[in-house]
Amino acid sequence: ESAQVFAKIIRGHWKIENQLHWVKDVIFEEDKSQISDFQAASNWSILTTIGLNLFRGLGFLSITEGQRWLAERWEKLIVLST
């Protein structure tokens, strides 16, 4: 029984992890990134996660729609980032 519980926890973790990385790869093309500096890559990953959380916090189910919305209202980006 404890092995089944452990397996369920692991699957749940990887489901969340895979969903996050899929979105970051599709939307921000992380797998195509040519950033070679470890710190720069880490910083970029943090910024993309902040971006995803920003769009989700604004109620967007589609990150692409959120990007379009914000691109048309760039002045809101300044307000949201302060």
N, C-alpha and C. Protein backbone atom coordinates (compact mmCIF):
# COMPACT_ATOMS: atom_id res chain seq x y z
N GLU A 1 0.82 -1.20 0.00
CA GLU A 1 0.00 0.00 0.00
C GLU A 1 0.86 1.26 0.00
N SER A 2 1.91 1.29 0.80
CA SER A 2 2.75 2.49 0.84
C SER A 2 3.45 2.72 -0.50
N ALA A 3 3.75 1.66 -1.23
CA ALA A 3 4.36 1.81 -2.55
C ALA A 3 3.38 2.46 -3.52
N GLN A 4 2.10 2.12 -3.41
CA GLN A 4 1.08 2.73 -4.26
C GLN A 4 0.90 4.21 -3.95
N VAL A 5 0.92 4.55 -2.69
CA VAL A 5 0.81 5.95 -2.28
C VAL A 5 2.01 6.73 -2.79
N PHE A 6 3.19 6.16 -2.61
CA PHE A 6 4.42 6.81 -3.08
C PHE A 6 4.37 7.00 -4.60
N ALA A 7 3.94 5.99 -5.34
CA ALA A 7 3.85 6.09 -6.80
C ALA A 7 2.86 7.18 -7.21
N LYS A 8 1.76 7.28 -6.49
CA LYS A 8 0.75 8.31 -6.79
C LYS A 8 1.33 9.70 -6.56
N ILE A 9 2.08 9.87 -5.50
CA ILE A 9 2.71 11.16 -5.21
C ILE A 9 3.71 11.52 -6.30
N ILE A 10 4.51 10.55 -6.70
CA ILE A 10 5.52 10.79 -7.75
C ILE A 10 4.84 11.15 -9.07
N ARG A 11 3.79 10.41 -9.44
CA ARG A 11 3.08 10.72 -10.69
C ARG A 11 2.47 12.12 -10.64
N GLY A 12 1.93 12.48 -9.49
CA GLY A 12 1.36 13.82 -9.33
C GLY A 12 2.41 14.90 -9.50
N HIS A 13 3.57 14.67 -8.91
CA HIS A 13 4.67 15.63 -9.04
C HIS A 13 5.07 15.80 -10.50
N TRP A 14 5.27 14.69 -11.20
CA TRP A 14 5.72 14.77 -12.59
C TRP A 14 4.65 15.31 -13.51
N LYS A 15 3.39 15.11 -13.18
CA LYS A 15 2.30 15.68 -13.99
C LYS A 15 2.40 17.20 -13.95
N ILE A 16 2.54 17.74 -12.75
CA ILE A 16 2.67 19.19 -12.60
C ILE A 16 3.95 19.68 -13.28
N GLU A 17 5.04 18.99 -13.04
CA GLU A 17 6.33 19.38 -13.61
C GLU A 17 6.28 19.36 -15.14
N ASN A 18 5.71 18.32 -15.71
CA ASN A 18 5.63 18.21 -17.17
C ASN A 18 4.72 19.27 -17.76
N GLN A 19 3.62 19.58 -17.10
CA GLN A 19 2.72 20.62 -17.61
C GLN A 19 3.42 21.97 -17.64
N LEU A 20 4.16 22.29 -16.58
CA LEU A 20 4.87 23.56 -16.53
C LEU A 20 5.91 23.63 -17.65
N HIS A 21 6.70 22.58 -17.80
CA HIS A 21 7.76 22.61 -18.81
C HIS A 21 7.20 22.59 -20.22
N TRP A 22 6.08 21.93 -20.42
CA TRP A 22 5.46 21.93 -21.75
C TRP A 22 5.04 23.34 -22.12
N VAL A 23 4.39 24.03 -21.21
CA VAL A 23 3.95 25.41 -21.48
C VAL A 23 5.15 26.31 -21.71
N LYS A 24 6.17 26.19 -20.87
CA LYS A 24 7.34 27.04 -21.04
C LYS A 24 8.06 26.76 -22.35
N ASP A 25 8.06 25.52 -22.79
CA ASP A 25 8.71 25.20 -24.06
C ASP A 25 7.89 25.70 -25.24
N VAL A 26 6.59 25.47 -25.21
CA VAL A 26 5.75 25.86 -26.34
C VAL A 26 5.63 27.39 -26.44
N ILE A 27 5.38 28.04 -25.32
CA ILE A 27 5.16 29.48 -25.34
C ILE A 27 6.47 30.26 -25.44
N PHE A 28 7.45 29.89 -24.65
CA PHE A 28 8.71 30.64 -24.60
C PHE A 28 9.85 29.94 -25.33
N GLU A 29 9.58 28.79 -25.93
CA GLU A 29 10.55 28.03 -26.73
C GLU A 29 11.85 27.77 -25.96
N GLU A 30 11.69 27.33 -24.72
CA GLU A 30 12.88 27.11 -23.88
C GLU A 30 13.83 26.06 -24.46
N ASP A 31 13.29 25.03 -25.11
CA ASP A 31 14.17 23.99 -25.65
C ASP A 31 15.04 24.51 -26.79
N LYS A 32 14.62 25.62 -27.42
CA LYS A 32 15.40 26.19 -28.52
C LYS A 32 16.37 27.26 -28.03
N SER A 33 16.32 27.55 -26.75
CA SER A 33 17.17 28.61 -26.19
C SER A 33 18.64 28.30 -26.41
N GLN A 34 19.38 29.34 -26.74
CA GLN A 34 20.82 29.18 -26.92
C GLN A 34 21.61 29.86 -25.81
N ILE A 35 20.93 30.11 -24.71
CA ILE A 35 21.60 30.70 -23.56
C ILE A 35 22.55 29.65 -22.99
N SER A 36 23.82 29.96 -22.98
CA SER A 36 24.80 28.96 -22.52
C SER A 36 25.28 29.22 -21.09
N ASP A 37 25.13 30.44 -20.63
CA ASP A 37 25.54 30.77 -19.27
C ASP A 37 24.51 30.26 -18.27
N PHE A 38 24.96 29.48 -17.30
CA PHE A 38 24.05 28.85 -16.34
C PHE A 38 23.22 29.89 -15.60
N GLN A 39 23.85 30.96 -15.12
CA GLN A 39 23.12 31.97 -14.36
C GLN A 39 22.08 32.68 -15.24
N ALA A 40 22.46 32.99 -16.46
CA ALA A 40 21.53 33.65 -17.38
C ALA A 40 20.34 32.73 -17.68
N ALA A 41 20.61 31.45 -17.89
CA ALA A 41 19.54 30.49 -18.15
C ALA A 41 18.62 30.37 -16.94
N SER A 42 19.19 30.37 -15.75
CA SER A 42 18.39 30.31 -14.52
C SER A 42 17.52 31.55 -14.39
N ASN A 43 18.10 32.71 -14.67
CA ASN A 43 17.34 33.96 -14.60
C ASN A 43 16.20 33.97 -15.60
N TRP A 44 16.48 33.50 -16.83
CA TRP A 44 15.44 33.46 -17.86
C TRP A 44 14.30 32.53 -17.43
N SER A 45 14.64 31.40 -16.84
CA SER A 45 13.63 30.46 -16.37
C SER A 45 12.75 31.09 -15.29
N ILE A 46 13.37 31.83 -14.40
CA ILE A 46 12.61 32.52 -13.34
C ILE A 46 11.68 33.56 -13.96
N LEU A 47 12.18 34.32 -14.92
CA LEU A 47 11.35 35.35 -15.56
C LEU A 47 10.17 34.75 -16.32
N THR A 48 10.39 33.62 -17.00
CA THR A 48 9.27 33.00 -17.71
C THR A 48 8.24 32.45 -16.73
N THR A 49 8.69 31.94 -15.61
CA THR A 49 7.76 31.45 -14.59
C THR A 49 6.95 32.62 -14.02
N ILE A 50 7.61 33.74 -13.77
CA ILE A 50 6.89 34.93 -13.30
C ILE A 50 5.85 35.35 -14.34
N GLY A 51 6.25 35.33 -15.61
CA GLY A 51 5.30 35.69 -16.67
C GLY A 51 4.09 34.77 -16.70
N LEU A 52 4.32 33.48 -16.59
CA LEU A 52 3.20 32.53 -16.57
C LEU A 52 2.29 32.81 -15.38
N ASN A 53 2.88 33.02 -14.22
CA ASN A 53 2.08 33.30 -13.03
C ASN A 53 1.32 34.62 -13.15
N LEU A 54 1.93 35.59 -13.80
CA LEU A 54 1.26 36.87 -14.03
C LEU A 54 0.00 36.67 -14.88
N PHE A 55 0.15 35.96 -15.99
CA PHE A 55 -1.00 35.73 -16.86
C PHE A 55 -2.09 34.92 -16.16
N ARG A 56 -1.69 33.91 -15.44
CA ARG A 56 -2.67 33.10 -14.71
C ARG A 56 -3.34 33.92 -13.62
N GLY A 57 -2.56 34.76 -12.95
CA GLY A 57 -3.12 35.62 -11.91
C GLY A 57 -4.11 36.63 -12.46
N LEU A 58 -3.93 37.02 -13.72
CA LEU A 58 -4.86 37.94 -14.37
C LEU A 58 -6.09 37.21 -14.91
N GLY A 59 -6.10 35.90 -14.76
CA GLY A 59 -7.27 35.12 -15.16
C GLY A 59 -7.22 34.52 -16.55
N PHE A 60 -6.09 34.58 -17.21
CA PHE A 60 -5.98 34.01 -18.56
C PHE A 60 -5.77 32.51 -18.47
N LEU A 61 -6.62 31.77 -19.16
CA LEU A 61 -6.41 30.33 -19.27
C LEU A 61 -5.43 30.03 -20.39
N SER A 62 -5.37 30.92 -21.37
CA SER A 62 -4.45 30.79 -22.49
C SER A 62 -3.34 31.82 -22.31
N ILE A 63 -2.12 31.34 -22.20
CA ILE A 63 -0.97 32.24 -22.05
C ILE A 63 -0.80 33.09 -23.32
N THR A 64 -1.05 32.50 -24.48
CA THR A 64 -0.95 33.24 -25.74
C THR A 64 -1.92 34.40 -25.76
N GLU A 65 -3.16 34.19 -25.30
CA GLU A 65 -4.13 35.28 -25.23
C GLU A 65 -3.66 36.35 -24.26
N GLY A 66 -3.08 35.94 -23.16
CA GLY A 66 -2.53 36.90 -22.21
C GLY A 66 -1.42 37.73 -22.82
N GLN A 67 -0.56 37.09 -23.60
CA GLN A 67 0.52 37.82 -24.27
C GLN A 67 -0.04 38.84 -25.25
N ARG A 68 -1.05 38.42 -26.01
CA ARG A 68 -1.68 39.36 -26.97
C ARG A 68 -2.32 40.53 -26.24
N TRP A 69 -3.03 40.22 -25.16
CA TRP A 69 -3.70 41.26 -24.39
C TRP A 69 -2.68 42.27 -23.87
N LEU A 70 -1.59 41.76 -23.31
CA LEU A 70 -0.58 42.64 -22.72
C LEU A 70 0.19 43.41 -23.79
N ALA A 71 0.41 42.79 -24.95
CA ALA A 71 1.12 43.48 -26.04
C ALA A 71 0.33 44.69 -26.52
N GLU A 72 -1.00 44.60 -26.46
CA GLU A 72 -1.85 45.72 -26.88
C GLU A 72 -1.97 46.77 -25.78
N ARG A 73 -1.54 46.43 -24.58
CA ARG A 73 -1.64 47.33 -23.43
C ARG A 73 -0.31 47.37 -22.69
N TRP A 74 0.75 47.68 -23.40
CA TRP A 74 2.09 47.61 -22.83
C TRP A 74 2.24 48.48 -21.60
N GLU A 75 1.45 49.56 -21.51
CA GLU A 75 1.56 50.42 -20.34
C GLU A 75 1.14 49.69 -19.06
N LYS A 76 0.26 48.68 -19.19
CA LYS A 76 -0.14 47.88 -18.03
C LYS A 76 1.03 47.04 -17.52
N LEU A 77 1.92 46.65 -18.42
CA LEU A 77 3.10 45.88 -18.00
C LEU A 77 3.93 46.69 -17.00
N ILE A 78 4.06 47.97 -17.27
CA ILE A 78 4.82 48.83 -16.37
C ILE A 78 4.14 48.89 -15.01
N VAL A 79 2.83 49.05 -14.99
CA VAL A 79 2.08 49.11 -13.73
C VAL A 79 2.17 47.77 -13.00
N LEU A 80 2.01 46.66 -13.72
CA LEU A 80 2.05 45.34 -13.10
C LEU A 80 3.43 44.98 -12.56
N SER A 81 4.47 45.55 -13.15
CA SER A 81 5.82 45.18 -12.74
C SER A 81 6.37 46.05 -11.61
N THR A 82 5.60 47.02 -11.18
CA THR A 82 6.09 47.88 -10.09
C THR A 82 5.41 47.57 -8.78
